[in-house]
Each structure stands twice: as structure tokens, then as C-alpha cells.
Amino acid sequence: MNSESLDNLVKINKLHREPPDAEEIKGLIRSGTVRLKDARLDSLSIESRFDLSYNAAHALSLAALRHCGYRSDNRYLVFQCLQHTLGLSAAKWRVLDQAH
């Protein structure tokens, strides 16, 4: 994790420091996991499956950010922070960011 980069986002009011909450993080992971499972249902429209996948990715990305002790008010920033929270390459987090 690159907390220096995340702390810079705090300085410009893009992120907020907030102690991790284990129950919140577990809830986000549970939500993301259930959505990913539901996104595999062939009976749903492709639009519904995309929506479920996108929201699962956001919940799991937010769980990583919260685990590191930060919160964001912007969905897109949660994906951009994946580089610093999980070490995800720019090519990978940009796919999620562009889906926003």
C-alpha cells in the first residue's frame, strides 16, 4: 500500500481518513461476493449482469480502501486508489474506472 499517495488525496479533500471498521469491511466483502455470484446467472439480462458486476467491483474496492483507513465520496476515486490499496496495475484499475 502506498499511504503517501493516499495521504496526498486527503490533503486535497478527495479522501477522508477514517479508522477501518471490521464489520463494515465484512459487509462490503459479503455484498460484493453475493453480487458477483448473482452476475453469473444466465437468466438475467446482460445489463443486469453488468450492473451487478460493476457494483460488486465497487464494493470490493471500497473494502480495500476502508481496510487501509480511508473513505471516498466519489465512486471513480475508489477504483483509482486500487493502485495504492492493492497494488493493481493502472491498466487493470482503468478498466473499472472507465466502466463508471
PDB file of N, CA and C in Angstrom:
ATOM      1  N   MET A   1       0.846  -1.187   0.000  1.00  0.00           N
ATOM      2  CA  MET A   1       0.000   0.000   0.000  1.00  0.00           C
ATOM      3  C   MET A   1       0.886   1.243   0.000  1.00  0.00           C
ATOM      4  N   ASN A   2       0.475   2.232  -0.759  1.00  0.00           N
ATOM      5  CA  ASN A   2       1.199   3.491  -0.835  1.00  0.00           C
ATOM      6  C   ASN A   2       0.398   4.550  -0.083  1.00  0.00           C
ATOM      7  N   SER A   3       0.601   4.618   1.230  1.00  0.00           N
ATOM      8  CA  SER A   3      -0.191   5.553   2.031  1.00  0.00           C
ATOM      9  C   SER A   3       0.184   7.001   1.775  1.00  0.00           C
ATOM     10  N   GLU A   4       1.399   7.256   1.295  1.00  0.00           N
ATOM     11  CA  GLU A   4       1.787   8.629   0.990  1.00  0.00           C
ATOM     12  C   GLU A   4       0.889   9.206  -0.103  1.00  0.00           C
ATOM     13  N   SER A   5       0.644   8.438  -1.129  1.00  0.00           N
ATOM     14  CA  SER A   5      -0.235   8.885  -2.216  1.00  0.00           C
ATOM     15  C   SER A   5      -1.659   9.089  -1.713  1.00  0.00           C
ATOM     16  N   LEU A   6      -2.123   8.167  -0.866  1.00  0.00           N
ATOM     17  CA  LEU A   6      -3.477   8.308  -0.319  1.00  0.00           C
ATOM     18  C   LEU A   6      -3.555   9.511   0.621  1.00  0.00           C
ATOM     19  N   ASP A   7      -2.512   9.736   1.408  1.00  0.00           N
ATOM     20  CA  ASP A   7      -2.499  10.906   2.292  1.00  0.00           C
ATOM     21  C   ASP A   7      -2.496  12.206   1.493  1.00  0.00           C
ATOM     22  N   ASN A   8      -1.867  12.203   0.317  1.00  0.00           N
ATOM     23  CA  ASN A   8      -1.912  13.397  -0.546  1.00  0.00           C
ATOM     24  C   ASN A   8      -3.340  13.680  -0.987  1.00  0.00           C
ATOM     25  N   LEU A   9      -4.121  12.624  -1.226  1.00  0.00           N
ATOM     26  CA  LEU A   9      -5.527  12.809  -1.605  1.00  0.00           C
ATOM     27  C   LEU A   9      -6.348  13.333  -0.428  1.00  0.00           C
ATOM     28  N   VAL A  10      -5.942  13.007   0.784  1.00  0.00           N
ATOM     29  CA  VAL A  10      -6.596  13.563   1.971  1.00  0.00           C
ATOM     30  C   VAL A  10      -6.336  15.067   2.034  1.00  0.00           C
ATOM     31  N   LYS A  11      -5.096  15.467   1.756  1.00  0.00           N
ATOM     32  CA  LYS A  11      -4.716  16.884   1.826  1.00  0.00           C
ATOM     33  C   LYS A  11      -5.531  17.751   0.881  1.00  0.00           C
ATOM     34  N   ILE A  12      -5.938  17.183  -0.254  1.00  0.00           N
ATOM     35  CA  ILE A  12      -6.724  17.974  -1.215  1.00  0.00           C
ATOM     36  C   ILE A  12      -8.221  17.639  -1.117  1.00  0.00           C
ATOM     37  N   ASN A  13      -8.617  17.016  -0.024  1.00  0.00           N
ATOM     38  CA  ASN A  13     -10.026  16.712   0.290  1.00  0.00           C
ATOM     39  C   ASN A  13     -10.699  15.775  -0.707  1.00  0.00           C
ATOM     40  N   LYS A  14      -9.927  14.876  -1.295  1.00  0.00           N
ATOM     41  CA  LYS A  14     -10.511  13.864  -2.178  1.00  0.00           C
ATOM     42  C   LYS A  14     -10.804  12.575  -1.405  1.00  0.00           C
ATOM     43  N   LEU A  15     -10.006  12.318  -0.374  1.00  0.00           N
ATOM     44  CA  LEU A  15     -10.221  11.186   0.527  1.00  0.00           C
ATOM     45  C   LEU A  15     -10.331  11.715   1.941  1.00  0.00           C
ATOM     46  N   HIS A  16     -10.916  10.897   2.807  1.00  0.00           N
ATOM     47  CA  HIS A  16     -11.005  11.222   4.228  1.00  0.00           C
ATOM     48  C   HIS A  16     -10.368  10.078   5.000  1.00  0.00           C
ATOM     49  N   ARG A  17      -9.599  10.426   6.008  1.00  0.00           N
ATOM     50  CA  ARG A  17      -9.054   9.411   6.897  1.00  0.00           C
ATOM     51  C   ARG A  17     -10.164   8.972   7.836  1.00  0.00           C
ATOM     52  N   GLU A  18     -10.316   7.681   7.977  1.00  0.00           N
ATOM     53  CA  GLU A  18     -11.327   7.134   8.878  1.00  0.00           C
ATOM     54  C   GLU A  18     -10.856   5.744   9.303  1.00  0.00           C
ATOM     55  N   PRO A  19     -10.795   5.489  10.603  1.00  0.00           N
ATOM     56  CA  PRO A  19     -10.315   4.181  11.047  1.00  0.00           C
ATOM     57  C   PRO A  19     -11.137   3.055  10.409  1.00  0.00           C
ATOM     58  N   PRO A  20     -10.460   1.964  10.044  1.00  0.00           N
ATOM     59  CA  PRO A  20     -11.180   0.819   9.470  1.00  0.00           C
ATOM     60  C   PRO A  20     -12.220   0.281  10.456  1.00  0.00           C
ATOM     61  N   ASP A  21     -13.328  -0.160   9.922  1.00  0.00           N
ATOM     62  CA  ASP A  21     -14.395  -0.773  10.713  1.00  0.00           C
ATOM     63  C   ASP A  21     -14.564  -2.198  10.195  1.00  0.00           C
ATOM     64  N   ALA A  22     -14.161  -3.165  11.014  1.00  0.00           N
ATOM     65  CA  ALA A  22     -14.162  -4.559  10.575  1.00  0.00           C
ATOM     66  C   ALA A  22     -15.538  -5.020  10.106  1.00  0.00           C
ATOM     67  N   GLU A  23     -16.587  -4.602  10.785  1.00  0.00           N
ATOM     68  CA  GLU A  23     -17.949  -5.016  10.393  1.00  0.00           C
ATOM     69  C   GLU A  23     -18.348  -4.401   9.059  1.00  0.00           C
ATOM     70  N   GLU A  24     -18.000  -3.151   8.850  1.00  0.00           N
ATOM     71  CA  GLU A  24     -18.297  -2.506   7.566  1.00  0.00           C
ATOM     72  C   GLU A  24     -17.549  -3.215   6.440  1.00  0.00           C
ATOM     73  N   ILE A  25     -16.284  -3.517   6.670  1.00  0.00           N
ATOM     74  CA  ILE A  25     -15.474  -4.175   5.648  1.00  0.00           C
ATOM     75  C   ILE A  25     -16.032  -5.560   5.335  1.00  0.00           C
ATOM     76  N   LYS A  26     -16.402  -6.312   6.363  1.00  0.00           N
ATOM     77  CA  LYS A  26     -17.012  -7.629   6.137  1.00  0.00           C
ATOM     78  C   LYS A  26     -18.302  -7.499   5.337  1.00  0.00           C
ATOM     79  N   GLY A  27     -19.107  -6.482   5.639  1.00  0.00           N
ATOM     80  CA  GLY A  27     -20.348  -6.255   4.909  1.00  0.00           C
ATOM     81  C   GLY A  27     -20.100  -5.929   3.448  1.00  0.00           C
ATOM     82  N   LEU A  28     -19.088  -5.114   3.183  1.00  0.00           N
ATOM     83  CA  LEU A  28     -18.746  -4.767   1.800  1.00  0.00           C
ATOM     84  C   LEU A  28     -18.267  -6.000   1.032  1.00  0.00           C
ATOM     85  N   ILE A  29     -17.459  -6.823   1.675  1.00  0.00           N
ATOM     86  CA  ILE A  29     -16.973  -8.043   1.027  1.00  0.00           C
ATOM     87  C   ILE A  29     -18.124  -9.008   0.777  1.00  0.00           C
ATOM     88  N   ARG A  30     -19.004  -9.142   1.742  1.00  0.00           N
ATOM     89  CA  ARG A  30     -20.190 -10.011   1.574  1.00  0.00           C
ATOM     90  C   ARG A  30     -21.058  -9.513   0.426  1.00  0.00           C
ATOM     91  N   SER A  31     -21.305  -8.215   0.387  1.00  0.00           N
ATOM     92  CA  SER A  31     -22.119  -7.621  -0.672  1.00  0.00           C
ATOM     93  C   SER A  31     -21.490  -7.847  -2.048  1.00  0.00           C
ATOM     94  N   GLY A  32     -20.192  -7.602  -2.147  1.00  0.00           N
ATOM     95  CA  GLY A  32     -19.507  -7.803  -3.420  1.00  0.00           C
ATOM     96  C   GLY A  32     -19.529  -9.249  -3.864  1.00  0.00           C
ATOM     97  N   THR A  33     -19.346 -10.154  -2.923  1.00  0.00           N
ATOM     98  CA  THR A  33     -19.331 -11.583  -3.240  1.00  0.00           C
ATOM     99  C   THR A  33     -20.693 -12.061  -3.726  1.00  0.00           C
ATOM    100  N   VAL A  34     -21.749 -11.634  -3.057  1.00  0.00           N
ATOM    101  CA  VAL A  34     -23.109 -12.021  -3.461  1.00  0.00           C
ATOM    102  C   VAL A  34     -23.429 -11.468  -4.842  1.00  0.00           C
ATOM    103  N   ARG A  35     -23.060 -10.231  -5.080  1.00  0.00           N
ATOM    104  CA  ARG A  35     -23.322  -9.623  -6.399  1.00  0.00           C
ATOM    105  C   ARG A  35     -22.576 -10.350  -7.514  1.00  0.00           C
ATOM    106  N   LEU A  36     -21.327 -10.732  -7.245  1.00  0.00           N
ATOM    107  CA  LEU A  36     -20.575 -11.479  -8.264  1.00  0.00           C
ATOM    108  C   LEU A  36     -21.229 -12.820  -8.556  1.00  0.00           C
ATOM    109  N   LYS A  37     -21.716 -13.464  -7.529  1.00  0.00           N
ATOM    110  CA  LYS A  37     -22.416 -14.746  -7.716  1.00  0.00           C
ATOM    111  C   LYS A  37     -23.666 -14.539  -8.571  1.00  0.00           C
ATOM    112  N   ASP A  38     -24.442 -13.515  -8.242  1.00  0.00           N
ATOM    113  CA  ASP A  38     -25.670 -13.231  -8.989  1.00  0.00           C
ATOM    114  C   ASP A  38     -25.371 -12.830 -10.437  1.00  0.00           C
ATOM    115  N   ALA A  39     -24.241 -12.175 -10.655  1.00  0.00           N
ATOM    116  CA  ALA A  39     -23.877 -11.738 -12.009  1.00  0.00           C
ATOM    117  C   ALA A  39     -23.624 -12.917 -12.940  1.00  0.00           C
ATOM    118  N   ARG A  40     -23.443 -14.089 -12.394  1.00  0.00           N
ATOM    119  CA  ARG A  40     -23.216 -15.286 -13.217  1.00  0.00           C
ATOM    120  C   ARG A  40     -24.518 -15.942 -13.683  1.00  0.00           C
ATOM    121  N   LEU A  41     -25.644 -15.415 -13.242  1.00  0.00           N
ATOM    122  CA  LEU A  41     -26.929 -16.014 -13.601  1.00  0.00           C
ATOM    123  C   LEU A  41     -27.280 -15.713 -15.053  1.00  0.00           C
ATOM    124  N   ASP A  42     -27.332 -16.760 -15.851  1.00  0.00           N
ATOM    125  CA  ASP A  42     -27.655 -16.602 -17.273  1.00  0.00           C
ATOM    126  C   ASP A  42     -29.080 -16.099 -17.497  1.00  0.00           C
ATOM    127  N   SER A  43     -29.934 -16.265 -16.503  1.00  0.00           N
ATOM    128  CA  SER A  43     -31.329 -15.848 -16.655  1.00  0.00           C
ATOM    129  C   SER A  43     -31.489 -14.323 -16.614  1.00  0.00           C
ATOM    130  N   LEU A  44     -30.460 -13.612 -16.180  1.00  0.00           N
ATOM    131  CA  LEU A  44     -30.535 -12.153 -16.109  1.00  0.00           C
ATOM    132  C   LEU A  44     -30.073 -11.531 -17.426  1.00  0.00           C
ATOM    133  N   SER A  45     -30.569 -10.341 -17.692  1.00  0.00           N
ATOM    134  CA  SER A  45     -30.139  -9.618 -18.893  1.00  0.00           C
ATOM    135  C   SER A  45     -28.673  -9.234 -18.749  1.00  0.00           C
ATOM    136  N   ILE A  46     -28.038  -8.994 -19.867  1.00  0.00           N
ATOM    137  CA  ILE A  46     -26.637  -8.594 -19.856  1.00  0.00           C
ATOM    138  C   ILE A  46     -26.461  -7.274 -19.103  1.00  0.00           C
ATOM    139  N   GLU A  47     -27.439  -6.385 -19.205  1.00  0.00           N
ATOM    140  CA  GLU A  47     -27.376  -5.102 -18.496  1.00  0.00           C
ATOM    141  C   GLU A  47     -27.404  -5.317 -16.980  1.00  0.00           C
ATOM    142  N   SER A  48     -28.268  -6.221 -16.533  1.00  0.00           N
ATOM    143  CA  SER A  48     -28.343  -6.519 -15.096  1.00  0.00           C
ATOM    144  C   SER A  48     -27.058  -7.166 -14.607  1.00  0.00           C
ATOM    145  N   ARG A  49     -26.519  -8.058 -15.418  1.00  0.00           N
ATOM    146  CA  ARG A  49     -25.290  -8.733 -15.036  1.00  0.00           C
ATOM    147  C   ARG A  49     -24.111  -7.752 -14.973  1.00  0.00           C
ATOM    148  N   PHE A  50     -24.086  -6.811 -15.901  1.00  0.00           N
ATOM    149  CA  PHE A  50     -23.050  -5.779 -15.864  1.00  0.00           C
ATOM    150  C   PHE A  50     -23.192  -4.932 -14.605  1.00  0.00           C
ATOM    151  N   ASP A  51     -24.422  -4.507 -14.317  1.00  0.00           N
ATOM    152  CA  ASP A  51     -24.677  -3.681 -13.137  1.00  0.00           C
ATOM    153  C   ASP A  51     -24.242  -4.399 -11.862  1.00  0.00           C
ATOM    154  N   LEU A  52     -24.574  -5.661 -11.758  1.00  0.00           N
ATOM    155  CA  LEU A  52     -24.171  -6.448 -10.588  1.00  0.00           C
ATOM    156  C   LEU A  52     -22.646  -6.554 -10.504  1.00  0.00           C
ATOM    157  N   SER A  53     -22.004  -6.801 -11.626  1.00  0.00           N
ATOM    158  CA  SER A  53     -20.537  -6.920 -11.646  1.00  0.00           C
ATOM    159  C   SER A  53     -19.869  -5.610 -11.263  1.00  0.00           C
ATOM    160  N   TYR A  54     -20.368  -4.519 -11.823  1.00  0.00           N
ATOM    161  CA  TYR A  54     -19.801  -3.205 -11.531  1.00  0.00           C
ATOM    162  C   TYR A  54     -19.954  -2.865 -10.053  1.00  0.00           C
ATOM    163  N   ASN A  55     -21.133  -3.090  -9.507  1.00  0.00           N
ATOM    164  CA  ASN A  55     -21.363  -2.781  -8.095  1.00  0.00           C
ATOM    165  C   ASN A  55     -20.579  -3.711  -7.175  1.00  0.00           C
ATOM    166  N   ALA A  56     -20.357  -4.940  -7.599  1.00  0.00           N
ATOM    167  CA  ALA A  56     -19.509  -5.855  -6.834  1.00  0.00           C
ATOM    168  C   ALA A  56     -18.071  -5.333  -6.812  1.00  0.00           C
ATOM    169  N   ALA A  57     -17.593  -4.919  -7.965  1.00  0.00           N
ATOM    170  CA  ALA A  57     -16.229  -4.384  -8.050  1.00  0.00           C
ATOM    171  C   ALA A  57     -16.077  -3.156  -7.164  1.00  0.00           C
ATOM    172  N   HIS A  58     -17.093  -2.308  -7.140  1.00  0.00           N
ATOM    173  CA  HIS A  58     -17.028  -1.117  -6.293  1.00  0.00           C
ATOM    174  C   HIS A  58     -17.023  -1.497  -4.820  1.00  0.00           C
ATOM    175  N   ALA A  59     -17.891  -2.409  -4.415  1.00  0.00           N
ATOM    176  CA  ALA A  59     -17.959  -2.815  -3.008  1.00  0.00           C
ATOM    177  C   ALA A  59     -16.624  -3.417  -2.555  1.00  0.00           C
ATOM    178  N   LEU A  60     -16.040  -4.262  -3.378  1.00  0.00           N
ATOM    179  CA  LEU A  60     -14.773  -4.893  -3.012  1.00  0.00           C
ATOM    180  C   LEU A  60     -13.613  -3.891  -3.020  1.00  0.00           C
ATOM    181  N   SER A  61     -13.643  -2.950  -3.947  1.00  0.00           N
ATOM    182  CA  SER A  61     -12.619  -1.905  -3.992  1.00  0.00           C
ATOM    183  C   SER A  61     -12.740  -0.978  -2.786  1.00  0.00           C
ATOM    184  N   LEU A  62     -13.973  -0.672  -2.421  1.00  0.00           N
ATOM    185  CA  LEU A  62     -14.204   0.169  -1.244  1.00  0.00           C
ATOM    186  C   LEU A  62     -13.760  -0.560   0.020  1.00  0.00           C
ATOM    187  N   ALA A  63     -13.960  -1.860   0.078  1.00  0.00           N
ATOM    188  CA  ALA A  63     -13.495  -2.643   1.230  1.00  0.00           C
ATOM    189  C   ALA A  63     -11.977  -2.504   1.377  1.00  0.00           C
ATOM    190  N   ALA A  64     -11.251  -2.537   0.261  1.00  0.00           N
ATOM    191  CA  ALA A  64      -9.794  -2.384   0.304  1.00  0.00           C
ATOM    192  C   ALA A  64      -9.405  -0.995   0.802  1.00  0.00           C
ATOM    193  N   LEU A  65     -10.108   0.013   0.326  1.00  0.00           N
ATOM    194  CA  LEU A  65      -9.828   1.381   0.754  1.00  0.00           C
ATOM    195  C   LEU A  65     -10.131   1.566   2.236  1.00  0.00           C
ATOM    196  N   ARG A  66     -11.263   1.027   2.676  1.00  0.00           N
ATOM    197  CA  ARG A  66     -11.641   1.133   4.094  1.00  0.00           C
ATOM    198  C   ARG A  66     -10.667   0.361   4.979  1.00  0.00           C
ATOM    199  N   HIS A  67     -10.186  -0.777   4.489  1.00  0.00           N
ATOM    200  CA  HIS A  67      -9.206  -1.561   5.235  1.00  0.00           C
ATOM    201  C   HIS A  67      -7.934  -0.743   5.488  1.00  0.00           C
ATOM    202  N   CYS A  68      -7.602   0.115   4.543  1.00  0.00           N
ATOM    203  CA  CYS A  68      -6.413   0.964   4.668  1.00  0.00           C
ATOM    204  C   CYS A  68      -6.663   2.210   5.505  1.00  0.00           C
ATOM    205  N   GLY A  69      -7.907   2.434   5.902  1.00  0.00           N
ATOM    206  CA  GLY A  69      -8.220   3.574   6.769  1.00  0.00           C
ATOM    207  C   GLY A  69      -8.615   4.845   6.064  1.00  0.00           C
ATOM    208  N   TYR A  70      -9.211   4.693   4.883  1.00  0.00           N
ATOM    209  CA  TYR A  70      -9.649   5.857   4.112  1.00  0.00           C
ATOM    210  C   TYR A  70     -11.081   5.654   3.640  1.00  0.00           C
ATOM    211  N   ARG A  71     -11.715   6.764   3.302  1.00  0.00           N
ATOM    212  CA  ARG A  71     -13.064   6.749   2.734  1.00  0.00           C
ATOM    213  C   ARG A  71     -13.104   7.779   1.616  1.00  0.00           C
ATOM    214  N   SER A  72     -13.889   7.496   0.591  1.00  0.00           N
ATOM    215  CA  SER A  72     -14.056   8.424  -0.525  1.00  0.00           C
ATOM    216  C   SER A  72     -15.535   8.681  -0.757  1.00  0.00           C
ATOM    217  N   ASP A  73     -15.840   9.898  -1.148  1.00  0.00           N
ATOM    218  CA  ASP A  73     -17.207  10.251  -1.520  1.00  0.00           C
ATOM    219  C   ASP A  73     -17.460  10.012  -3.008  1.00  0.00           C
ATOM    220  N   ASN A  74     -16.403   9.705  -3.756  1.00  0.00           N
ATOM    221  CA  ASN A  74     -16.510   9.549  -5.204  1.00  0.00           C
ATOM    222  C   ASN A  74     -16.241   8.112  -5.612  1.00  0.00           C
ATOM    223  N   ARG A  75     -17.190   7.531  -6.339  1.00  0.00           N
ATOM    224  CA  ARG A  75     -17.056   6.140  -6.785  1.00  0.00           C
ATOM    225  C   ARG A  75     -15.819   5.930  -7.638  1.00  0.00           C
ATOM    226  N   TYR A  76     -15.587   6.830  -8.583  1.00  0.00           N
ATOM    227  CA  TYR A  76     -14.478   6.641  -9.504  1.00  0.00           C
ATOM    228  C   TYR A  76     -13.139   6.655  -8.773  1.00  0.00           C
ATOM    229  N   LEU A  77     -13.019   7.448  -7.725  1.00  0.00           N
ATOM    230  CA  LEU A  77     -11.764   7.541  -6.990  1.00  0.00           C
ATOM    231  C   LEU A  77     -11.441   6.236  -6.259  1.00  0.00           C
ATOM    232  N   VAL A  78     -12.479   5.523  -5.842  1.00  0.00           N
ATOM    233  CA  VAL A  78     -12.278   4.229  -5.189  1.00  0.00           C
ATOM    234  C   VAL A  78     -11.525   3.290  -6.127  1.00  0.00           C
ATOM    235  N   PHE A  79     -11.896   3.297  -7.400  1.00  0.00           N
ATOM    236  CA  PHE A  79     -11.199   2.455  -8.377  1.00  0.00           C
ATOM    237  C   PHE A  79      -9.773   2.960  -8.626  1.00  0.00           C
ATOM    238  N   GLN A  80      -9.597   4.266  -8.718  1.00  0.00           N
ATOM    239  CA  GLN A  80      -8.274   4.829  -8.961  1.00  0.00           C
ATOM    240  C   GLN A  80      -7.310   4.534  -7.818  1.00  0.00           C
ATOM    241  N   CYS A  81      -7.834   4.380  -6.624  1.00  0.00           N
ATOM    242  CA  CYS A  81      -6.993   4.095  -5.456  1.00  0.00           C
ATOM    243  C   CYS A  81      -6.531   2.642  -5.394  1.00  0.00           C
ATOM    244  N   LEU A  82      -7.070   1.781  -6.236  1.00  0.00           N
ATOM    245  CA  LEU A  82      -6.665   0.373  -6.228  1.00  0.00           C
ATOM    246  C   LEU A  82      -5.166   0.210  -6.465  1.00  0.00           C
ATOM    247  N   GLN A  83      -4.576   1.126  -7.176  1.00  0.00           N
ATOM    248  CA  GLN A  83      -3.138   1.095  -7.409  1.00  0.00           C
ATOM    249  C   GLN A  83      -2.399   1.180  -6.069  1.00  0.00           C
ATOM    250  N   HIS A  84      -2.958   1.926  -5.131  1.00  0.00           N
ATOM    251  CA  HIS A  84      -2.301   2.156  -3.846  1.00  0.00           C
ATOM    252  C   HIS A  84      -2.785   1.214  -2.753  1.00  0.00           C
ATOM    253  N   THR A  85      -4.012   0.728  -2.853  1.00  0.00           N
ATOM    254  CA  THR A  85      -4.541  -0.158  -1.811  1.00  0.00           C
ATOM    255  C   THR A  85      -4.190  -1.617  -2.061  1.00  0.00           C
ATOM    256  N   LEU A  86      -4.200  -2.037  -3.329  1.00  0.00           N
ATOM    257  CA  LEU A  86      -3.935  -3.441  -3.653  1.00  0.00           C
ATOM    258  C   LEU A  86      -2.762  -3.645  -4.603  1.00  0.00           C
ATOM    259  N   GLY A  87      -2.144  -2.542  -5.022  1.00  0.00           N
ATOM    260  CA  GLY A  87      -1.037  -2.650  -5.958  1.00  0.00           C
ATOM    261  C   GLY A  87      -1.466  -3.055  -7.359  1.00  0.00           C
ATOM    262  N   LEU A  88      -2.729  -2.775  -7.687  1.00  0.00           N
ATOM    263  CA  LEU A  88      -3.255  -3.128  -9.010  1.00  0.00           C
ATOM    264  C   LEU A  88      -2.624  -2.227 -10.066  1.00  0.00           C
ATOM    265  N   SER A  89      -2.277  -2.799 -11.200  1.00  0.00           N
ATOM    266  CA  SER A  89      -1.669  -2.006 -12.267  1.00  0.00           C
ATOM    267  C   SER A  89      -2.685  -1.001 -12.814  1.00  0.00           C
ATOM    268  N   ALA A  90      -2.163   0.071 -13.375  1.00  0.00           N
ATOM    269  CA  ALA A  90      -3.028   1.112 -13.945  1.00  0.00           C
ATOM    270  C   ALA A  90      -3.919   0.548 -15.046  1.00  0.00           C
ATOM    271  N   ALA A  91      -3.388  -0.365 -15.842  1.00  0.00           N
ATOM    272  CA  ALA A  91      -4.185  -0.952 -16.931  1.00  0.00           C
ATOM    273  C   ALA A  91      -5.423  -1.665 -16.390  1.00  0.00           C
ATOM    274  N   LYS A  92      -5.303  -2.280 -15.228  1.00  0.00           N
ATOM    275  CA  LYS A  92      -6.436  -3.022 -14.663  1.00  0.00           C
ATOM    276  C   LYS A  92      -7.440  -2.101 -13.971  1.00  0.00           C
ATOM    277  N   TRP A  93      -6.966  -1.146 -13.147  1.00  0.00           N
ATOM    278  CA  TRP A  93      -7.942  -0.301 -12.471  1.00  0.00           C
ATOM    279  C   TRP A  93      -8.625   0.653 -13.436  1.00  0.00           C
ATOM    280  N   ARG A  94      -7.967   0.988 -14.534  1.00  0.00           N
ATOM    281  CA  ARG A  94      -8.598   1.888 -15.521  1.00  0.00           C
ATOM    282  C   ARG A  94      -9.811   1.243 -16.185  1.00  0.00           C
ATOM    283  N   VAL A  95      -9.797  -0.077 -16.329  1.00  0.00           N
ATOM    284  CA  VAL A  95     -10.970  -0.777 -16.887  1.00  0.00           C
ATOM    285  C   VAL A  95     -12.183  -0.513 -16.004  1.00  0.00           C
ATOM    286  N   LEU A  96     -11.997  -0.631 -14.697  1.00  0.00           N
ATOM    287  CA  LEU A  96     -13.111  -0.373 -13.767  1.00  0.00           C
ATOM    288  C   LEU A  96     -13.487   1.097 -13.763  1.00  0.00           C
ATOM    289  N   ASP A  97     -12.492   1.962 -13.789  1.00  0.00           N
ATOM    290  CA  ASP A  97     -12.735   3.399 -13.791  1.00  0.00           C
ATOM    291  C   ASP A  97     -13.525   3.817 -15.030  1.00  0.00           C
ATOM    292  N   GLN A  98     -13.198   3.234 -16.181  1.00  0.00           N
ATOM    293  CA  GLN A  98     -13.893   3.582 -17.416  1.00  0.00           C
ATOM    294  C   GLN A  98     -15.332   3.066 -17.418  1.00  0.00           C
ATOM    295  N   ALA A  99     -15.582   1.985 -16.699  1.00  0.00           N
ATOM    296  CA  ALA A  99     -16.955   1.461 -16.623  1.00  0.00           C
ATOM    297  C   ALA A  99     -17.861   2.421 -15.867  1.00  0.00           C
ATOM    298  N   HIS A 100     -17.268   3.274 -15.053  1.00  0.00           N
ATOM    299  CA  HIS A 100     -18.049   4.233 -14.277  1.00  0.00           C
ATOM    300  C   HIS A 100     -18.737   5.194 -15.222  1.00  0.00           C
TER     301      HIS A 100
END
